[in-house]
Amino acid sequence: MKKRLSNDSEFRVDARLTTALDQFEATIFRKPRVADVIDINGLSSSDLRRYALMAHFDFVIGDAEHRPLFAIEYDGAGHGTQNDEKKNTIATTANLALFRISPPLENSRTQTMGFLEYLINIWFFGTKFLEMQSSGQIPRDEPFTMWSFVSADAKHIFDSEFNFLTVPFDRIGKFYKRNGLENWRMAQADVTHISLKRGNERAVFCSIPFGDSFIHGSHRLTFDNVCMGELDELYFSEAAIMDYCEGLAWQNLADNLEIAESGGRHTLVARDQFLSDVMAMREACGSVFGGGGGRDPKLLSILT
């Protein structure tokens, strides 16, 4: 009996990769054997070498000359984790970037871009950024930020498809204007936010004054970037991932403002619960990734 070569989820990931890679000189290799991607002679044990001869990567992205750039594993509902550590160790040893994509990440999307598409862009823009630093076109101490890559027809320096705060800023400003608040042009300045990271989990929490209290937004993103490969040399690559999470948190904040405006405030997460969630994540992290601003003293106290 013949078997399907891929399941529906893998087919969707394949389609999204194909679309995202269309602008780059790259090729998708589907389910290549691990031993055909890396040199197994460099592995530290016979057990790993044997596994590499039997196992495959779900997807490997190669350059124009078919040299491997990075691998993607789709950890769907039926995924078994018993061999994950072996594959992670092999990729790290070979300095092959390996990204694990879960169903929530596969379906994650800001109002302008999905996570998988964004990840592909981080890779190619990031490697180009490193090349330009090596050639002296960009200073060595220049931070890498995805939103600094503007559109070809950009109208201003913030006109970037990777600036995930533009749409939420606009929505929050329109809310202020509809409600007769004078500072609607700078409404985003009223937002307090805090970004936290614990292992593979990132979380952004934000709040904005509403009447005699606050409206809140948040987003949690779990992404296992096992090995960054060549991008290990790229400072602020983690900040680029956090920017995506922050965009979704602000998007959630804008959604909740509009829900409250339409009379549905009672359906939103209560303030005590919101602050409890932030504090629990803060204590688990031990340190803060970033944040500040706005007019929420309790959220600012957690930040410090």
C-alpha atoms as a PDB file:
ATOM      1  CA  MET A   1       0.000   0.000   0.000  1.00  0.00           C
ATOM      2  CA  LYS A   2       1.318   3.447  -0.930  1.00  0.00           C
ATOM      3  CA  LYS A   3       1.631   6.208   1.670  1.00  0.00           C
ATOM      4  CA  ARG A   4       1.212   9.967   1.402  1.00  0.00           C
ATOM      5  CA  LEU A   5       4.504  11.781   0.967  1.00  0.00           C
ATOM      6  CA  SER A   6       3.432  14.646   3.243  1.00  0.00           C
ATOM      7  CA  ASN A   7       0.543  15.465   5.545  1.00  0.00           C
ATOM      8  CA  ASP A   8      -1.726  18.483   5.225  1.00  0.00           C
ATOM      9  CA  SER A   9       0.251  20.567   7.726  1.00  0.00           C
ATOM     10  CA  GLU A  10       3.559  19.878   5.978  1.00  0.00           C
ATOM     11  CA  PHE A  11       1.930  20.812   2.684  1.00  0.00           C
ATOM     12  CA  ARG A  12       0.826  24.165   4.148  1.00  0.00           C
ATOM     13  CA  VAL A  13       4.310  24.854   5.515  1.00  0.00           C
ATOM     14  CA  ASP A  14       5.773  23.934   2.123  1.00  0.00           C
ATOM     15  CA  ALA A  15       3.417  26.347   0.372  1.00  0.00           C
ATOM     16  CA  ARG A  16       4.281  29.175   2.773  1.00  0.00           C
ATOM     17  CA  LEU A  17       7.999  28.539   2.395  1.00  0.00           C
ATOM     18  CA  THR A  18       7.649  28.557  -1.390  1.00  0.00           C
ATOM     19  CA  THR A  19       5.871  31.918  -1.303  1.00  0.00           C
ATOM     20  CA  ALA A  20       8.312  33.460   1.183  1.00  0.00           C
ATOM     21  CA  LEU A  21      11.389  32.270  -0.756  1.00  0.00           C
ATOM     22  CA  ASP A  22      10.154  33.540  -4.108  1.00  0.00           C
ATOM     23  CA  GLN A  23      12.141  36.784  -3.830  1.00  0.00           C
ATOM     24  CA  PHE A  24      15.388  35.046  -2.860  1.00  0.00           C
ATOM     25  CA  GLU A  25      17.788  32.795  -4.757  1.00  0.00           C
ATOM     26  CA  ALA A  26      17.004  29.689  -2.755  1.00  0.00           C
ATOM     27  CA  THR A  27      15.722  26.148  -3.186  1.00  0.00           C
ATOM     28  CA  ILE A  28      13.573  23.999  -0.899  1.00  0.00           C
ATOM     29  CA  PHE A  29      14.730  20.431  -0.339  1.00  0.00           C
ATOM     30  CA  ARG A  30      11.974  18.279   1.136  1.00  0.00           C
ATOM     31  CA  LYS A  31      12.788  15.518   3.615  1.00  0.00           C
ATOM     32  CA  PRO A  32      16.488  15.153   2.759  1.00  0.00           C
ATOM     33  CA  ARG A  33      18.419  12.582   4.778  1.00  0.00           C
ATOM     34  CA  VAL A  34      20.440  14.237   7.550  1.00  0.00           C
ATOM     35  CA  ALA A  35      23.613  12.502   6.314  1.00  0.00           C
ATOM     36  CA  ASP A  36      23.093  14.108   2.893  1.00  0.00           C
ATOM     37  CA  VAL A  37      22.988  17.579   4.460  1.00  0.00           C
ATOM     38  CA  ILE A  38      25.922  17.483   6.879  1.00  0.00           C
ATOM     39  CA  ASP A  39      29.251  15.640   7.067  1.00  0.00           C
ATOM     40  CA  ILE A  40      28.613  12.904   9.617  1.00  0.00           C
ATOM     41  CA  ASN A  41      32.348  12.345  10.130  1.00  0.00           C
ATOM     42  CA  GLY A  42      32.326  15.442  12.313  1.00  0.00           C
ATOM     43  CA  LEU A  43      29.804  13.967  14.749  1.00  0.00           C
ATOM     44  CA  SER A  44      31.052  12.908  18.156  1.00  0.00           C
ATOM     45  CA  SER A  45      29.499   9.442  18.481  1.00  0.00           C
ATOM     46  CA  SER A  46      28.581   6.400  16.415  1.00  0.00           C
ATOM     47  CA  ASP A  47      25.038   6.731  17.767  1.00  0.00           C
ATOM     48  CA  LEU A  48      24.666  10.195  16.201  1.00  0.00           C
ATOM     49  CA  ARG A  49      26.262   9.063  12.950  1.00  0.00           C
ATOM     50  CA  ARG A  50      23.894   6.080  12.765  1.00  0.00           C
ATOM     51  CA  TYR A  51      20.901   8.308  13.471  1.00  0.00           C
ATOM     52  CA  ALA A  52      22.002  10.776  10.748  1.00  0.00           C
ATOM     53  CA  LEU A  53      22.010   7.924   8.229  1.00  0.00           C
ATOM     54  CA  MET A  54      18.408   7.025   9.076  1.00  0.00           C
ATOM     55  CA  ALA A  55      16.736  10.366   9.894  1.00  0.00           C
ATOM     56  CA  HIS A  56      15.668  13.292   7.710  1.00  0.00           C
ATOM     57  CA  PHE A  57      15.022  17.011   8.077  1.00  0.00           C
ATOM     58  CA  ASP A  58      11.503  18.100   7.129  1.00  0.00           C
ATOM     59  CA  PHE A  59      12.817  20.984   5.013  1.00  0.00           C
ATOM     60  CA  VAL A  60      16.272  22.261   4.156  1.00  0.00           C
ATOM     61  CA  ILE A  61      16.700  25.598   2.396  1.00  0.00           C
ATOM     62  CA  GLY A  62      19.673  25.711   0.052  1.00  0.00           C
ATOM     63  CA  ASP A  63      21.330  28.554  -1.819  1.00  0.00           C
ATOM     64  CA  ALA A  64      21.590  28.952  -5.599  1.00  0.00           C
ATOM     65  CA  GLU A  65      24.375  26.364  -5.662  1.00  0.00           C
ATOM     66  CA  HIS A  66      22.351  23.931  -3.535  1.00  0.00           C
ATOM     67  CA  ARG A  67      24.470  24.365  -0.410  1.00  0.00           C
ATOM     68  CA  PRO A  68      22.412  24.053   2.799  1.00  0.00           C
ATOM     69  CA  LEU A  69      21.595  27.320   4.551  1.00  0.00           C
ATOM     70  CA  PHE A  70      19.182  26.259   7.282  1.00  0.00           C
ATOM     71  CA  ALA A  71      16.737  23.514   8.208  1.00  0.00           C
ATOM     72  CA  ILE A  72      13.145  23.677   9.401  1.00  0.00           C
ATOM     73  CA  GLU A  73      11.421  21.018  11.463  1.00  0.00           C
ATOM     74  CA  TYR A  74       7.636  21.066  11.645  1.00  0.00           C
ATOM     75  CA  ASP A  75       6.671  19.783  15.085  1.00  0.00           C
ATOM     76  CA  GLY A  76       3.003  19.102  14.440  1.00  0.00           C
ATOM     77  CA  ALA A  77       0.366  17.283  16.476  1.00  0.00           C
ATOM     78  CA  GLY A  78       1.778  13.827  15.724  1.00  0.00           C
ATOM     79  CA  HIS A  79       5.391  14.807  16.348  1.00  0.00           C
ATOM     80  CA  GLY A  80       7.405  12.575  18.683  1.00  0.00           C
ATOM     81  CA  THR A  81      10.120  14.263  20.725  1.00  0.00           C
ATOM     82  CA  GLN A  82      12.259  11.227  21.529  1.00  0.00           C
ATOM     83  CA  ASN A  83      14.893  12.019  18.880  1.00  0.00           C
ATOM     84  CA  ASP A  84      14.726  15.829  18.962  1.00  0.00           C
ATOM     85  CA  GLU A  85      17.851  16.155  21.083  1.00  0.00           C
ATOM     86  CA  LYS A  86      19.869  14.037  18.651  1.00  0.00           C
ATOM     87  CA  LYS A  87      18.832  16.159  15.702  1.00  0.00           C
ATOM     88  CA  ASN A  88      19.431  19.356  17.683  1.00  0.00           C
ATOM     89  CA  THR A  89      22.935  18.180  18.621  1.00  0.00           C
ATOM     90  CA  ILE A  90      23.742  17.263  15.020  1.00  0.00           C
ATOM     91  CA  ALA A  91      22.621  20.653  13.702  1.00  0.00           C
ATOM     92  CA  THR A  92      24.539  22.529  16.405  1.00  0.00           C
ATOM     93  CA  THR A  93      27.703  20.479  15.803  1.00  0.00           C
ATOM     94  CA  ALA A  94      27.495  21.145  12.057  1.00  0.00           C
ATOM     95  CA  ASN A  95      26.650  24.833  12.653  1.00  0.00           C
ATOM     96  CA  LEU A  96      23.506  24.326  10.575  1.00  0.00           C
ATOM     97  CA  ALA A  97      20.737  26.708  11.599  1.00  0.00           C
ATOM     98  CA  LEU A  98      17.712  24.711  12.736  1.00  0.00           C
ATOM     99  CA  PHE A  99      14.309  26.235  13.442  1.00  0.00           C
ATOM    100  CA  ARG A 100      11.439  24.273  14.978  1.00  0.00           C
ATOM    101  CA  ILE A 101       7.978  25.421  13.912  1.00  0.00           C
ATOM    102  CA  SER A 102       4.894  24.467  15.929  1.00  0.00           C
ATOM    103  CA  PRO A 103       1.260  24.667  14.723  1.00  0.00           C
ATOM    104  CA  PRO A 104       0.658  27.963  16.615  1.00  0.00           C
ATOM    105  CA  LEU A 105       3.705  29.495  14.902  1.00  0.00           C
ATOM    106  CA  GLU A 106       2.642  28.152  11.528  1.00  0.00           C
ATOM    107  CA  ASN A 107      -0.679  29.965  11.918  1.00  0.00           C
ATOM    108  CA  SER A 108       0.709  33.064  13.632  1.00  0.00           C
ATOM    109  CA  ARG A 109       0.269  36.293  11.708  1.00  0.00           C
ATOM    110  CA  THR A 110       0.466  40.012  12.320  1.00  0.00           C
ATOM    111  CA  GLN A 111      -1.772  42.262  10.257  1.00  0.00           C
ATOM    112  CA  THR A 112       0.927  42.348   7.565  1.00  0.00           C
ATOM    113  CA  MET A 113       2.982  39.127   7.708  1.00  0.00           C
ATOM    114  CA  GLY A 114       3.084  35.542   8.996  1.00  0.00           C
ATOM    115  CA  PHE A 115       5.843  34.301  11.299  1.00  0.00           C
ATOM    116  CA  LEU A 116       7.320  31.824   8.825  1.00  0.00           C
ATOM    117  CA  GLU A 117       7.591  34.518   6.158  1.00  0.00           C
ATOM    118  CA  TYR A 118       9.188  36.853   8.693  1.00  0.00           C
ATOM    119  CA  LEU A 119      11.695  34.191   9.762  1.00  0.00           C
ATOM    120  CA  ILE A 120      12.779  33.657   6.150  1.00  0.00           C
ATOM    121  CA  ASN A 121      13.290  37.398   5.753  1.00  0.00           C
ATOM    122  CA  ILE A 122      15.329  37.590   8.977  1.00  0.00           C
ATOM    123  CA  TRP A 123      17.655  34.919   7.598  1.00  0.00           C
ATOM    124  CA  PHE A 124      18.309  36.492   4.211  1.00  0.00           C
ATOM    125  CA  PHE A 125      18.368  40.123   5.348  1.00  0.00           C
ATOM    126  CA  GLY A 126      20.492  39.121   8.333  1.00  0.00           C
ATOM    127  CA  THR A 127      23.107  37.296   6.247  1.00  0.00           C
ATOM    128  CA  LYS A 128      23.221  40.235   3.818  1.00  0.00           C
ATOM    129  CA  PHE A 129      23.671  42.597   6.763  1.00  0.00           C
ATOM    130  CA  LEU A 130      26.653  40.509   7.974  1.00  0.00           C
ATOM    131  CA  GLU A 131      28.180  40.552   4.480  1.00  0.00           C
ATOM    132  CA  MET A 132      27.893  44.343   4.377  1.00  0.00           C
ATOM    133  CA  GLN A 133      29.512  44.635   7.793  1.00  0.00           C
ATOM    134  CA  SER A 134      32.396  42.393   6.658  1.00  0.00           C
ATOM    135  CA  SER A 135      32.958  44.552   3.573  1.00  0.00           C
ATOM    136  CA  GLY A 136      32.884  47.765   5.604  1.00  0.00           C
ATOM    137  CA  GLN A 137      29.631  49.080   4.115  1.00  0.00           C
ATOM    138  CA  ILE A 138      27.973  48.967   7.553  1.00  0.00           C
ATOM    139  CA  PRO A 139      29.801  49.754  10.825  1.00  0.00           C
ATOM    140  CA  ARG A 140      30.563  46.748  13.047  1.00  0.00           C
ATOM    141  CA  ASP A 141      28.620  48.283  15.930  1.00  0.00           C
ATOM    142  CA  GLU A 142      25.495  48.987  13.859  1.00  0.00           C
ATOM    143  CA  PRO A 143      22.512  47.149  15.428  1.00  0.00           C
ATOM    144  CA  PHE A 144      20.458  44.836  13.212  1.00  0.00           C
ATOM    145  CA  THR A 145      16.790  45.822  13.066  1.00  0.00           C
ATOM    146  CA  MET A 146      14.361  44.411  10.529  1.00  0.00           C
ATOM    147  CA  TRP A 147      12.237  47.574  10.496  1.00  0.00           C
ATOM    148  CA  SER A 148      15.233  49.532   9.181  1.00  0.00           C
ATOM    149  CA  PHE A 149      14.747  47.772   5.828  1.00  0.00           C
ATOM    150  CA  VAL A 150      12.199  50.058   4.174  1.00  0.00           C
ATOM    151  CA  SER A 151      10.024  49.387   1.157  1.00  0.00           C
ATOM    152  CA  ALA A 152      11.286  50.268  -2.310  1.00  0.00           C
ATOM    153  CA  ASP A 153       8.494  52.858  -2.589  1.00  0.00           C
ATOM    154  CA  ALA A 154       8.795  54.022   1.038  1.00  0.00           C
ATOM    155  CA  LYS A 155       7.270  57.408   1.805  1.00  0.00           C
ATOM    156  CA  HIS A 156       9.289  57.862   5.032  1.00  0.00           C
ATOM    157  CA  ILE A 157      11.947  56.093   7.094  1.00  0.00           C
ATOM    158  CA  PHE A 158       9.384  54.094   9.093  1.00  0.00           C
ATOM    159  CA  ASP A 159       7.632  52.763   5.982  1.00  0.00           C
ATOM    160  CA  SER A 160       8.711  49.143   6.383  1.00  0.00           C
ATOM    161  CA  GLU A 161       6.702  45.952   6.030  1.00  0.00           C
ATOM    162  CA  PHE A 162       8.636  44.734   9.079  1.00  0.00           C
ATOM    163  CA  ASN A 163       7.455  47.566  11.341  1.00  0.00           C
ATOM    164  CA  PHE A 164       4.672  45.656  13.078  1.00  0.00           C
ATOM    165  CA  LEU A 165       3.669  48.587  15.282  1.00  0.00           C
ATOM    166  CA  THR A 166       2.494  50.865  12.463  1.00  0.00           C
ATOM    167  CA  VAL A 167      -1.010  49.396  12.140  1.00  0.00           C
ATOM    168  CA  PRO A 168      -1.689  49.149  15.924  1.00  0.00           C
ATOM    169  CA  PHE A 169      -0.369  52.721  16.388  1.00  0.00           C
ATOM    170  CA  ASP A 170      -2.822  53.913  13.754  1.00  0.00           C
ATOM    171  CA  ARG A 171      -5.750  52.026  15.311  1.00  0.00           C
ATOM    172  CA  ILE A 172      -4.986  53.360  18.808  1.00  0.00           C
ATOM    173  CA  GLY A 173      -4.662  56.908  17.443  1.00  0.00           C
ATOM    174  CA  LYS A 174      -8.042  56.614  15.726  1.00  0.00           C
ATOM    175  CA  PHE A 175      -9.580  55.366  18.976  1.00  0.00           C
ATOM    176  CA  TYR A 176      -8.240  58.454  20.776  1.00  0.00           C
ATOM    177  CA  LYS A 177      -9.548  60.731  18.034  1.00  0.00           C
ATOM    178  CA  ARG A 178     -13.023  59.137  18.062  1.00  0.00           C
ATOM    179  CA  ASN A 179     -13.205  59.695  21.809  1.00  0.00           C
ATOM    180  CA  GLY A 180     -12.106  63.338  21.658  1.00  0.00           C
ATOM    181  CA  LEU A 181      -8.696  62.869  23.292  1.00  0.00           C
ATOM    182  CA  GLU A 182      -6.382  65.725  22.377  1.00  0.00           C
ATOM    183  CA  ASN A 183      -3.125  63.801  22.117  1.00  0.00           C
ATOM    184  CA  TRP A 184      -4.413  61.337  19.512  1.00  0.00           C
ATOM    185  CA  ARG A 185      -1.403  61.963  17.253  1.00  0.00           C
ATOM    186  CA  MET A 186       0.913  60.596  19.965  1.00  0.00           C
ATOM    187  CA  ALA A 187      -1.450  58.082  21.572  1.00  0.00           C
ATOM    188  CA  GLN A 188       1.226  55.367  21.525  1.00  0.00           C
ATOM    189  CA  ALA A 189       3.208  57.395  24.082  1.00  0.00           C
ATOM    190  CA  ASP A 190       0.551  56.456  26.662  1.00  0.00           C
ATOM    191  CA  VAL A 191       1.292  52.728  26.265  1.00  0.00           C
ATOM    192  CA  THR A 192       3.443  50.984  28.873  1.00  0.00           C
ATOM    193  CA  HIS A 193       5.032  47.735  27.703  1.00  0.00           C
ATOM    194  CA  ILE A 194       7.331  45.029  29.032  1.00  0.00           C
ATOM    195  CA  SER A 195       9.112  42.306  27.032  1.00  0.00           C
ATOM    196  CA  LEU A 196      10.230  39.093  28.763  1.00  0.00           C
ATOM    197  CA  LYS A 197      12.084  35.971  27.657  1.00  0.00           C
ATOM    198  CA  ARG A 198      12.439  32.595  29.358  1.00  0.00           C
ATOM    199  CA  GLY A 199      14.168  29.897  27.313  1.00  0.00           C
ATOM    200  CA  ASN A 200      12.196  29.489  24.095  1.00  0.00           C
ATOM    201  CA  GLU A 201       9.218  31.488  25.398  1.00  0.00           C
ATOM    202  CA  ARG A 202       8.829  35.198  24.726  1.00  0.00           C
ATOM    203  CA  ALA A 203       6.072  37.382  26.103  1.00  0.00           C
ATOM    204  CA  VAL A 204       5.089  41.021  25.694  1.00  0.00           C
ATOM    205  CA  PHE A 205       2.551  42.758  27.924  1.00  0.00           C
ATOM    206  CA  CYS A 206       1.218  46.290  27.401  1.00  0.00           C
ATOM    207  CA  SER A 207      -1.406  48.619  28.828  1.00  0.00           C
ATOM    208  CA  ILE A 208      -3.035  51.972  28.107  1.00  0.00           C
ATOM    209  CA  PRO A 209      -5.249  54.234  30.268  1.00  0.00           C
ATOM    210  CA  PHE A 210      -8.987  53.787  29.758  1.00  0.00           C
ATOM    211  CA  GLY A 211     -11.364  55.749  31.949  1.00  0.00           C
ATOM    212  CA  ASP A 212     -10.417  55.182  35.588  1.00  0.00           C
ATOM    213  CA  SER A 213      -8.331  52.064  34.835  1.00  0.00           C
ATOM    214  CA  PHE A 214      -6.391  50.421  32.009  1.00  0.00           C
ATOM    215  CA  ILE A 215      -6.925  48.217  28.972  1.00  0.00           C
ATOM    216  CA  HIS A 216      -4.332  45.506  28.424  1.00  0.00           C
ATOM    217  CA  GLY A 217      -2.798  43.568  25.573  1.00  0.00           C
ATOM    218  CA  SER A 218      -0.400  40.658  25.495  1.00  0.00           C
ATOM    219  CA  HIS A 219       1.119  37.951  23.369  1.00  0.00           C
ATOM    220  CA  ARG A 220       3.215  34.865  24.084  1.00  0.00           C
ATOM    221  CA  LEU A 221       5.383  33.263  21.447  1.00  0.00           C
ATOM    222  CA  THR A 222       7.266  29.972  21.822  1.00  0.00           C
ATOM    223  CA  PHE A 223       9.946  29.496  19.189  1.00  0.00           C
ATOM    224  CA  ASP A 224      12.808  27.000  19.376  1.00  0.00           C
ATOM    225  CA  ASN A 225      15.677  28.418  17.350  1.00  0.00           C
ATOM    226  CA  VAL A 226      17.921  25.447  18.162  1.00  0.00           C
ATOM    227  CA  CYS A 227      20.933  26.813  16.328  1.00  0.00           C
ATOM    228  CA  MET A 228      21.238  30.110  14.491  1.00  0.00           C
ATOM    229  CA  GLY A 229      24.141  28.932  12.317  1.00  0.00           C
ATOM    230  CA  GLU A 230      25.731  31.876  10.528  1.00  0.00           C
ATOM    231  CA  LEU A 231      23.331  34.246  12.263  1.00  0.00           C
ATOM    232  CA  ASP A 232      25.004  33.537  15.615  1.00  0.00           C
ATOM    233  CA  GLU A 233      27.298  36.424  14.656  1.00  0.00           C
ATOM    234  CA  LEU A 234      24.322  38.750  14.195  1.00  0.00           C
ATOM    235  CA  TYR A 235      23.761  40.914  17.244  1.00  0.00           C
ATOM    236  CA  PHE A 236      20.111  41.723  17.944  1.00  0.00           C
ATOM    237  CA  SER A 237      18.746  38.751  15.946  1.00  0.00           C
ATOM    238  CA  GLU A 238      16.765  37.793  19.072  1.00  0.00           C
ATOM    239  CA  ALA A 239      15.398  41.344  19.209  1.00  0.00           C
ATOM    240  CA  ALA A 240      14.001  40.816  15.708  1.00  0.00           C
ATOM    241  CA  ILE A 241      11.978  37.843  17.006  1.00  0.00           C
ATOM    242  CA  MET A 242      10.796  39.902  19.972  1.00  0.00           C
ATOM    243  CA  ASP A 243       9.682  42.691  17.601  1.00  0.00           C
ATOM    244  CA  TYR A 244       7.241  40.236  16.028  1.00  0.00           C
ATOM    245  CA  CYS A 245       5.869  39.247  19.447  1.00  0.00           C
ATOM    246  CA  GLU A 246       5.567  42.920  20.398  1.00  0.00           C
ATOM    247  CA  GLY A 247       3.619  43.673  17.232  1.00  0.00           C
ATOM    248  CA  LEU A 248       1.063  40.991  18.120  1.00  0.00           C
ATOM    249  CA  ALA A 249       0.783  42.282  21.703  1.00  0.00           C
ATOM    250  CA  TRP A 250       0.030  45.815  20.475  1.00  0.00           C
ATOM    251  CA  GLN A 251      -2.402  44.345  17.953  1.00  0.00           C
ATOM    252  CA  ASN A 252      -4.158  42.594  20.857  1.00  0.00           C
ATOM    253  CA  LEU A 253      -4.183  45.892  22.780  1.00  0.00           C
ATOM    254  CA  ALA A 254      -5.852  47.680  19.843  1.00  0.00           C
ATOM    255  CA  ASP A 255      -8.411  44.843  19.569  1.00  0.00           C
ATOM    256  CA  ASN A 256      -9.224  45.109  23.280  1.00  0.00           C
ATOM    257  CA  LEU A 257      -9.574  48.899  23.123  1.00  0.00           C
ATOM    258  CA  GLU A 258     -12.175  48.512  20.385  1.00  0.00           C
ATOM    259  CA  ILE A 259     -13.968  45.772  22.345  1.00  0.00           C
ATOM    260  CA  ALA A 260     -14.111  48.028  25.418  1.00  0.00           C
ATOM    261  CA  GLU A 261     -15.293  50.958  23.304  1.00  0.00           C
ATOM    262  CA  SER A 262     -18.204  48.881  22.006  1.00  0.00           C
ATOM    263  CA  GLY A 263     -19.295  47.925  25.536  1.00  0.00           C
ATOM    264  CA  GLY A 264     -17.537  44.584  25.896  1.00  0.00           C
ATOM    265  CA  ARG A 265     -15.020  45.531  28.543  1.00  0.00           C
ATOM    266  CA  HIS A 266     -16.434  42.912  30.931  1.00  0.00           C
ATOM    267  CA  THR A 267     -15.269  40.167  28.543  1.00  0.00           C
ATOM    268  CA  LEU A 268     -11.599  41.188  28.798  1.00  0.00           C
ATOM    269  CA  VAL A 269      -8.982  39.830  31.197  1.00  0.00           C
ATOM    270  CA  ALA A 270      -9.319  41.541  34.590  1.00  0.00           C
ATOM    271  CA  ARG A 271      -6.499  43.864  35.659  1.00  0.00           C
ATOM    272  CA  ASP A 272      -5.553  41.768  38.699  1.00  0.00           C
ATOM    273  CA  GLN A 273      -5.217  38.673  36.519  1.00  0.00           C
ATOM    274  CA  PHE A 274      -3.201  40.572  33.915  1.00  0.00           C
ATOM    275  CA  LEU A 275      -0.738  41.895  36.504  1.00  0.00           C
ATOM    276  CA  SER A 276      -0.500  38.438  38.093  1.00  0.00           C
ATOM    277  CA  ASP A 277       0.374  36.906  34.707  1.00  0.00           C
ATOM    278  CA  VAL A 278       3.051  39.554  34.121  1.00  0.00           C
ATOM    279  CA  MET A 279       4.573  39.059  37.566  1.00  0.00           C
ATOM    280  CA  ALA A 280       4.640  35.265  37.206  1.00  0.00           C
ATOM    281  CA  MET A 281       6.496  35.534  33.904  1.00  0.00           C
ATOM    282  CA  ARG A 282       8.784  38.228  35.310  1.00  0.00           C
ATOM    283  CA  GLU A 283       9.777  36.083  38.295  1.00  0.00           C
ATOM    284  CA  ALA A 284      10.370  33.055  36.053  1.00  0.00           C
ATOM    285  CA  CYS A 285      12.607  35.051  33.712  1.00  0.00           C
ATOM    286  CA  GLY A 286      14.838  36.678  36.272  1.00  0.00           C
ATOM    287  CA  SER A 287      15.583  39.557  33.908  1.00  0.00           C
ATOM    288  CA  VAL A 288      13.700  41.866  31.567  1.00  0.00           C
ATOM    289  CA  PHE A 289      14.321  41.915  27.812  1.00  0.00           C
ATOM    290  CA  GLY A 290      12.996  45.455  27.374  1.00  0.00           C
ATOM    291  CA  GLY A 291      10.129  47.839  27.928  1.00  0.00           C
ATOM    292  CA  GLY A 292       9.055  51.122  29.497  1.00  0.00           C
ATOM    293  CA  GLY A 293       7.036  54.206  28.564  1.00  0.00           C
ATOM    294  CA  GLY A 294       3.421  55.035  29.160  1.00  0.00           C
ATOM    295  CA  ARG A 295       1.445  55.798  32.292  1.00  0.00           C
ATOM    296  CA  ASP A 296       0.857  52.480  34.082  1.00  0.00           C
ATOM    297  CA  PRO A 297       2.726  52.695  37.423  1.00  0.00           C
ATOM    298  CA  LYS A 298       2.070  49.069  38.407  1.00  0.00           C
ATOM    299  CA  LEU A 299       3.384  47.664  35.132  1.00  0.00           C
ATOM    300  CA  LEU A 300       6.376  50.004  35.325  1.00  0.00           C
ATOM    301  CA  SER A 301       7.106  48.772  38.854  1.00  0.00           C
ATOM    302  CA  ILE A 302       7.285  45.188  37.563  1.00  0.00           C
ATOM    303  CA  LEU A 303       9.650  46.359  34.828  1.00  0.00           C
ATOM    304  CA  THR A 304      12.126  47.654  37.378  1.00  0.00           C
END
